[in-house]
């Protein structure tokens, strides 16, 4: 490893340690109640060095959003590898999205709140990378829909616009997850979340079949 490579590795490791510290604090106390000083202490860095890597708390949050976006995109990519059949790829992606919400709830919440995070519009490399990551994830869904139409597992008439269909499917499943994840203590008739997701995926899949 060259000297330049070692320096870049050290920079990346330090950046990761800052984001690790921020995760602990943001996900425990919340973004508004957290401070740069606390993040610096947790990451065992000076406040001055922290500002070398991130200009403010919002920039750190964008870094966490990017982490979350990359994690979801990678899960979609893995889901696509389980089948060459378009309809099955879509179902696998849907299940990957649900598992992401259960296994990485803080990341799921971060991405859910991204649209209302006022500082996300600030232009930097992280925000650009996050937008690119979201586009890549959506493009996987669109590609699976195109594949389904091509291989006959999905109806050409019912999936006439794969882009519109992809956004609809994502929104429908997200809404079900959000609804089902709320406490059911006040509504004992509400079905189990996993059963509700299974039912939703089944209904969505059937609605697109030939």
C-alpha atoms as a PDB file:
ATOM      1  CA  UNK A   1       0.000   0.000   0.000  1.00  0.00           C
ATOM      2  CA  UNK A   2       1.424   3.373  -1.042  1.00  0.00           C
ATOM      3  CA  UNK A   3       1.653   6.362   1.283  1.00  0.00           C
ATOM      4  CA  UNK A   4      -1.202   8.102  -0.533  1.00  0.00           C
ATOM      5  CA  UNK A   5      -3.374   4.996  -0.271  1.00  0.00           C
ATOM      6  CA  UNK A   6      -2.607   4.715   3.429  1.00  0.00           C
ATOM      7  CA  UNK A   7      -3.572   8.328   3.992  1.00  0.00           C
ATOM      8  CA  UNK A   8      -6.823   7.891   2.126  1.00  0.00           C
ATOM      9  CA  UNK A   9      -7.573   4.774   4.155  1.00  0.00           C
ATOM     10  CA  UNK A  10      -6.918   6.680   7.380  1.00  0.00           C
ATOM     11  CA  UNK A  11      -9.219   9.495   6.254  1.00  0.00           C
ATOM     12  CA  UNK A  12     -11.976   7.037   5.427  1.00  0.00           C
ATOM     13  CA  UNK A  13     -11.537   5.231   8.748  1.00  0.00           C
ATOM     14  CA  UNK A  14     -11.774   8.524  10.622  1.00  0.00           C
ATOM     15  CA  UNK A  15     -14.837   9.548   8.651  1.00  0.00           C
ATOM     16  CA  UNK A  16     -16.457   6.198   9.418  1.00  0.00           C
ATOM     17  CA  UNK A  17     -15.693   6.602  13.125  1.00  0.00           C
ATOM     18  CA  UNK A  18     -17.430   9.988  13.081  1.00  0.00           C
ATOM     19  CA  UNK A  19     -20.517   8.510  11.425  1.00  0.00           C
ATOM     20  CA  UNK A  20     -20.467   5.589  13.876  1.00  0.00           C
ATOM     21  CA  UNK A  21     -20.436   8.054  16.770  1.00  0.00           C
ATOM     22  CA  UNK A  22     -23.185  10.136  15.191  1.00  0.00           C
ATOM     23  CA  UNK A  23     -25.363   7.047  14.767  1.00  0.00           C
ATOM     24  CA  UNK A  24     -25.147   6.320  18.484  1.00  0.00           C
ATOM     25  CA  UNK A  25     -26.080   9.881  19.394  1.00  0.00           C
ATOM     26  CA  UNK A  26     -28.641  10.771  16.716  1.00  0.00           C
ATOM     27  CA  UNK A  27     -30.509   7.481  17.035  1.00  0.00           C
ATOM     28  CA  UNK A  28     -30.595   7.738  20.829  1.00  0.00           C
ATOM     29  CA  UNK A  29     -31.145  11.440  21.498  1.00  0.00           C
ATOM     30  CA  UNK A  30     -32.450  12.684  18.169  1.00  0.00           C
ATOM     31  CA  UNK A  31     -30.891  15.076  15.688  1.00  0.00           C
ATOM     32  CA  UNK A  32     -32.048  18.317  17.323  1.00  0.00           C
ATOM     33  CA  UNK A  33     -30.790  17.402  20.805  1.00  0.00           C
ATOM     34  CA  UNK A  34     -27.359  16.283  19.592  1.00  0.00           C
ATOM     35  CA  UNK A  35     -24.262  18.441  19.290  1.00  0.00           C
ATOM     36  CA  UNK A  36     -21.004  18.498  17.370  1.00  0.00           C
ATOM     37  CA  UNK A  37     -19.101  18.535  20.679  1.00  0.00           C
ATOM     38  CA  UNK A  38     -20.758  15.318  21.783  1.00  0.00           C
ATOM     39  CA  UNK A  39     -20.045  13.643  18.454  1.00  0.00           C
ATOM     40  CA  UNK A  40     -16.387  14.706  18.646  1.00  0.00           C
ATOM     41  CA  UNK A  41     -16.042  13.295  22.175  1.00  0.00           C
ATOM     42  CA  UNK A  42     -17.692  10.013  21.227  1.00  0.00           C
ATOM     43  CA  UNK A  43     -15.470   9.672  18.158  1.00  0.00           C
ATOM     44  CA  UNK A  44     -12.436  10.608  20.314  1.00  0.00           C
ATOM     45  CA  UNK A  45     -11.524  13.495  18.050  1.00  0.00           C
ATOM     46  CA  UNK A  46     -10.928  17.167  18.637  1.00  0.00           C
ATOM     47  CA  UNK A  47     -13.760  19.495  17.681  1.00  0.00           C
ATOM     48  CA  UNK A  48     -11.446  21.189  15.162  1.00  0.00           C
ATOM     49  CA  UNK A  49     -10.649  17.881  13.451  1.00  0.00           C
ATOM     50  CA  UNK A  50     -14.334  16.985  13.306  1.00  0.00           C
ATOM     51  CA  UNK A  51     -14.997  20.145  11.284  1.00  0.00           C
ATOM     52  CA  UNK A  52     -12.313  19.117   8.810  1.00  0.00           C
ATOM     53  CA  UNK A  53     -14.516  16.190   7.813  1.00  0.00           C
ATOM     54  CA  UNK A  54     -18.004  17.633   8.270  1.00  0.00           C
ATOM     55  CA  UNK A  55     -18.887  21.318   8.202  1.00  0.00           C
ATOM     56  CA  UNK A  56     -21.899  20.924  10.482  1.00  0.00           C
ATOM     57  CA  UNK A  57     -24.348  18.517  12.069  1.00  0.00           C
ATOM     58  CA  UNK A  58     -26.562  18.478   8.968  1.00  0.00           C
ATOM     59  CA  UNK A  59     -23.631  17.292   6.851  1.00  0.00           C
ATOM     60  CA  UNK A  60     -23.147  14.393   9.259  1.00  0.00           C
ATOM     61  CA  UNK A  61     -26.829  13.509   8.961  1.00  0.00           C
ATOM     62  CA  UNK A  62     -26.511  13.513   5.180  1.00  0.00           C
ATOM     63  CA  UNK A  63     -23.640  11.079   5.631  1.00  0.00           C
ATOM     64  CA  UNK A  64     -25.887   8.773   7.646  1.00  0.00           C
ATOM     65  CA  UNK A  65     -28.645   9.076   5.059  1.00  0.00           C
ATOM     66  CA  UNK A  66     -26.144   8.038   2.418  1.00  0.00           C
ATOM     67  CA  UNK A  67     -25.149   5.025   4.515  1.00  0.00           C
ATOM     68  CA  UNK A  68     -28.803   4.065   4.799  1.00  0.00           C
ATOM     69  CA  UNK A  69     -29.401   4.559   1.077  1.00  0.00           C
ATOM     70  CA  UNK A  70     -26.413   2.415   0.173  1.00  0.00           C
ATOM     71  CA  UNK A  71     -27.553  -0.337   2.542  1.00  0.00           C
ATOM     72  CA  UNK A  72     -31.000  -0.419   0.934  1.00  0.00           C
ATOM     73  CA  UNK A  73     -29.618  -0.304  -2.611  1.00  0.00           C
ATOM     74  CA  UNK A  74     -27.305  -3.231  -1.814  1.00  0.00           C
ATOM     75  CA  UNK A  75     -30.229  -5.238  -0.461  1.00  0.00           C
ATOM     76  CA  UNK A  76     -32.172  -4.600  -3.645  1.00  0.00           C
ATOM     77  CA  UNK A  77     -29.186  -5.737  -5.720  1.00  0.00           C
ATOM     78  CA  UNK A  78     -28.910  -8.953  -3.698  1.00  0.00           C
ATOM     79  CA  UNK A  79     -32.652  -9.555  -4.025  1.00  0.00           C
ATOM     80  CA  UNK A  80     -32.457  -9.281  -7.821  1.00  0.00           C
ATOM     81  CA  UNK A  81     -29.875 -12.083  -7.903  1.00  0.00           C
ATOM     82  CA  UNK A  82     -32.313 -14.661  -6.507  1.00  0.00           C
ATOM     83  CA  UNK A  83     -34.216 -15.015  -9.784  1.00  0.00           C
ATOM     84  CA  UNK A  84     -34.137 -14.164 -13.475  1.00  0.00           C
ATOM     85  CA  UNK A  85     -37.930 -13.923 -13.626  1.00  0.00           C
ATOM     86  CA  UNK A  86     -39.193 -10.360 -13.446  1.00  0.00           C
ATOM     87  CA  UNK A  87     -42.256 -11.014 -11.272  1.00  0.00           C
ATOM     88  CA  UNK A  88     -40.145 -12.928  -8.777  1.00  0.00           C
ATOM     89  CA  UNK A  89     -37.498 -10.199  -8.752  1.00  0.00           C
ATOM     90  CA  UNK A  90     -40.151  -7.641  -7.820  1.00  0.00           C
ATOM     91  CA  UNK A  91     -41.393  -9.837  -4.988  1.00  0.00           C
ATOM     92  CA  UNK A  92     -37.851 -10.378  -3.702  1.00  0.00           C
ATOM     93  CA  UNK A  93     -37.237  -6.628  -3.765  1.00  0.00           C
ATOM     94  CA  UNK A  94     -40.443  -6.051  -1.813  1.00  0.00           C
ATOM     95  CA  UNK A  95     -39.427  -8.566   0.825  1.00  0.00           C
ATOM     96  CA  UNK A  96     -35.957  -7.004   0.986  1.00  0.00           C
ATOM     97  CA  UNK A  97     -37.565  -3.621   1.648  1.00  0.00           C
ATOM     98  CA  UNK A  98     -39.643  -5.077   4.465  1.00  0.00           C
ATOM     99  CA  UNK A  99     -36.649  -6.876   6.018  1.00  0.00           C
ATOM    100  CA  UNK A 100     -34.688  -3.621   5.808  1.00  0.00           C
ATOM    101  CA  UNK A 101     -37.422  -1.866   7.817  1.00  0.00           C
ATOM    102  CA  UNK A 102     -37.291  -4.587  10.490  1.00  0.00           C
ATOM    103  CA  UNK A 103     -33.549  -5.251  10.663  1.00  0.00           C
ATOM    104  CA  UNK A 104     -32.331  -1.675  10.193  1.00  0.00           C
ATOM    105  CA  UNK A 105     -35.186   0.424  11.626  1.00  0.00           C
ATOM    106  CA  UNK A 106     -33.048   3.501  12.289  1.00  0.00           C
ATOM    107  CA  UNK A 107     -31.851   3.561   8.692  1.00  0.00           C
ATOM    108  CA  UNK A 108     -35.415   2.982   7.493  1.00  0.00           C
ATOM    109  CA  UNK A 109     -36.599   5.944   9.583  1.00  0.00           C
ATOM    110  CA  UNK A 110     -33.758   8.141   8.304  1.00  0.00           C
ATOM    111  CA  UNK A 111     -34.745   7.490   4.698  1.00  0.00           C
ATOM    112  CA  UNK A 112     -38.440   7.957   5.497  1.00  0.00           C
ATOM    113  CA  UNK A 113     -37.685  11.361   7.032  1.00  0.00           C
ATOM    114  CA  UNK A 114     -35.297  12.408   4.258  1.00  0.00           C
ATOM    115  CA  UNK A 115     -38.004  14.183   2.275  1.00  0.00           C
ATOM    116  CA  UNK A 116     -38.720  16.494   5.209  1.00  0.00           C
ATOM    117  CA  UNK A 117     -35.102  17.069   6.230  1.00  0.00           C
ATOM    118  CA  UNK A 118     -34.628  20.719   5.306  1.00  0.00           C
ATOM    119  CA  UNK A 119     -30.838  20.467   5.025  1.00  0.00           C
ATOM    120  CA  UNK A 120     -30.929  17.625   2.501  1.00  0.00           C
ATOM    121  CA  UNK A 121     -31.234  20.181  -0.289  1.00  0.00           C
ATOM    122  CA  UNK A 122     -27.801  21.565   0.607  1.00  0.00           C
ATOM    123  CA  UNK A 123     -25.576  20.645  -2.296  1.00  0.00           C
ATOM    124  CA  UNK A 124     -22.520  18.576  -1.467  1.00  0.00           C
ATOM    125  CA  UNK A 125     -20.987  15.284  -2.588  1.00  0.00           C
ATOM    126  CA  UNK A 126     -23.065  13.358  -0.074  1.00  0.00           C
ATOM    127  CA  UNK A 127     -26.425  14.729  -1.163  1.00  0.00           C
ATOM    128  CA  UNK A 128     -25.532  14.077  -4.808  1.00  0.00           C
ATOM    129  CA  UNK A 129     -24.453  10.527  -3.944  1.00  0.00           C
ATOM    130  CA  UNK A 130     -27.685   9.945  -2.007  1.00  0.00           C
ATOM    131  CA  UNK A 131     -29.813  11.067  -4.954  1.00  0.00           C
ATOM    132  CA  UNK A 132     -27.786   8.788  -7.237  1.00  0.00           C
ATOM    133  CA  UNK A 133     -28.222   5.902  -4.801  1.00  0.00           C
ATOM    134  CA  UNK A 134     -32.003   6.381  -4.661  1.00  0.00           C
ATOM    135  CA  UNK A 135     -32.115   6.474  -8.459  1.00  0.00           C
ATOM    136  CA  UNK A 136     -30.127   3.239  -8.688  1.00  0.00           C
ATOM    137  CA  UNK A 137     -32.504   1.482  -6.276  1.00  0.00           C
ATOM    138  CA  UNK A 138     -35.554   2.647  -8.209  1.00  0.00           C
ATOM    139  CA  UNK A 139     -33.939   1.667 -11.512  1.00  0.00           C
ATOM    140  CA  UNK A 140     -33.587  -1.889 -10.210  1.00  0.00           C
ATOM    141  CA  UNK A 141     -37.337  -2.046  -9.678  1.00  0.00           C
ATOM    142  CA  UNK A 142     -37.964  -0.594 -13.119  1.00  0.00           C
ATOM    143  CA  UNK A 143     -35.552  -3.108 -14.676  1.00  0.00           C
ATOM    144  CA  UNK A 144     -37.342  -5.981 -12.917  1.00  0.00           C
ATOM    145  CA  UNK A 145     -40.688  -4.766 -14.274  1.00  0.00           C
ATOM    146  CA  UNK A 146     -39.267  -4.540 -17.794  1.00  0.00           C
ATOM    147  CA  UNK A 147     -37.887  -8.057 -17.365  1.00  0.00           C
ATOM    148  CA  UNK A 148     -41.250  -9.312 -16.173  1.00  0.00           C
ATOM    149  CA  UNK A 149     -43.003  -7.902 -19.226  1.00  0.00           C
ATOM    150  CA  UNK A 150     -40.323  -9.354 -21.503  1.00  0.00           C
ATOM    151  CA  UNK A 151     -40.406 -12.848 -19.968  1.00  0.00           C
ATOM    152  CA  UNK A 152     -44.204 -12.935 -19.756  1.00  0.00           C
ATOM    153  CA  UNK A 153     -44.436 -13.164 -15.957  1.00  0.00           C
ATOM    154  CA  UNK A 154     -46.057  -9.697 -15.874  1.00  0.00           C
ATOM    155  CA  UNK A 155     -48.816  -8.297 -18.048  1.00  0.00           C
ATOM    156  CA  UNK A 156     -47.743  -5.789 -20.678  1.00  0.00           C
ATOM    157  CA  UNK A 157     -51.130  -4.063 -20.382  1.00  0.00           C
ATOM    158  CA  UNK A 158     -51.063  -3.885 -16.576  1.00  0.00           C
ATOM    159  CA  UNK A 159     -47.448  -2.718 -16.485  1.00  0.00           C
ATOM    160  CA  UNK A 160     -47.786  -0.328 -19.398  1.00  0.00           C
ATOM    161  CA  UNK A 161     -45.611   2.256 -17.617  1.00  0.00           C
ATOM    162  CA  UNK A 162     -42.853   0.521 -15.585  1.00  0.00           C
ATOM    163  CA  UNK A 163     -41.643   3.801 -14.076  1.00  0.00           C
ATOM    164  CA  UNK A 164     -45.094   4.739 -12.780  1.00  0.00           C
ATOM    165  CA  UNK A 165     -45.631   1.158 -11.607  1.00  0.00           C
ATOM    166  CA  UNK A 166     -42.334   1.099  -9.687  1.00  0.00           C
ATOM    167  CA  UNK A 167     -43.198   4.275  -7.784  1.00  0.00           C
ATOM    168  CA  UNK A 168     -46.676   2.944  -7.063  1.00  0.00           C
ATOM    169  CA  UNK A 169     -45.369  -0.364  -5.728  1.00  0.00           C
ATOM    170  CA  UNK A 170     -42.779   1.312  -3.512  1.00  0.00           C
ATOM    171  CA  UNK A 171     -45.329   3.757  -2.126  1.00  0.00           C
ATOM    172  CA  UNK A 172     -47.962   1.093  -1.521  1.00  0.00           C
ATOM    173  CA  UNK A 173     -45.604  -1.209   0.364  1.00  0.00           C
ATOM    174  CA  UNK A 174     -44.086   1.647   2.344  1.00  0.00           C
ATOM    175  CA  UNK A 175     -47.539   2.765   3.421  1.00  0.00           C
ATOM    176  CA  UNK A 176     -48.452  -0.731   4.583  1.00  0.00           C
ATOM    177  CA  UNK A 177     -45.211  -1.043   6.556  1.00  0.00           C
ATOM    178  CA  UNK A 178     -45.780   2.333   8.200  1.00  0.00           C
ATOM    179  CA  UNK A 179     -49.363   1.468   9.058  1.00  0.00           C
ATOM    180  CA  UNK A 180     -48.552  -2.006  10.323  1.00  0.00           C
ATOM    181  CA  UNK A 181     -45.550  -0.924  12.393  1.00  0.00           C
ATOM    182  CA  UNK A 182     -47.680   1.300  14.636  1.00  0.00           C
ATOM    183  CA  UNK A 183     -48.721  -0.089  17.990  1.00  0.00           C
ATOM    184  CA  UNK A 184     -51.752  -2.343  17.687  1.00  0.00           C
ATOM    185  CA  UNK A 185     -52.703  -2.033  21.378  1.00  0.00           C
ATOM    186  CA  UNK A 186     -55.557   0.327  20.498  1.00  0.00           C
ATOM    187  CA  UNK A 187     -56.681  -1.875  17.612  1.00  0.00           C
ATOM    188  CA  UNK A 188     -56.475  -5.587  18.466  1.00  0.00           C
ATOM    189  CA  UNK A 189     -58.046  -6.465  15.098  1.00  0.00           C
ATOM    190  CA  UNK A 190     -54.986  -5.217  13.193  1.00  0.00           C
ATOM    191  CA  UNK A 191     -53.191  -8.160  11.541  1.00  0.00           C
ATOM    192  CA  UNK A 192     -49.607  -9.156  12.229  1.00  0.00           C
ATOM    193  CA  UNK A 193     -47.221  -6.941  10.234  1.00  0.00           C
ATOM    194  CA  UNK A 194     -45.425  -9.775   8.472  1.00  0.00           C
ATOM    195  CA  UNK A 195     -48.714 -11.383   7.499  1.00  0.00           C
ATOM    196  CA  UNK A 196     -49.951  -8.020   6.240  1.00  0.00           C
ATOM    197  CA  UNK A 197     -46.812  -7.541   4.155  1.00  0.00           C
ATOM    198  CA  UNK A 198     -47.152 -11.064   2.719  1.00  0.00           C
ATOM    199  CA  UNK A 199     -50.767 -10.350   1.804  1.00  0.00           C
ATOM    200  CA  UNK A 200     -49.851  -6.989   0.264  1.00  0.00           C
ATOM    201  CA  UNK A 201     -47.079  -8.485  -1.869  1.00  0.00           C
ATOM    202  CA  UNK A 202     -49.411 -11.240  -3.001  1.00  0.00           C
ATOM    203  CA  UNK A 203     -52.125  -8.774  -3.988  1.00  0.00           C
ATOM    204  CA  UNK A 204     -49.704  -6.443  -5.775  1.00  0.00           C
ATOM    205  CA  UNK A 205     -48.133  -9.339  -7.636  1.00  0.00           C
ATOM    206  CA  UNK A 206     -51.485 -10.746  -8.719  1.00  0.00           C
ATOM    207  CA  UNK A 207     -52.606  -7.338  -9.946  1.00  0.00           C
ATOM    208  CA  UNK A 208     -49.734  -7.315 -12.459  1.00  0.00           C
ATOM    209  CA  UNK A 209     -49.974 -10.901 -13.656  1.00  0.00           C
ATOM    210  CA  UNK A 210     -51.145 -11.725 -17.179  1.00  0.00           C
END
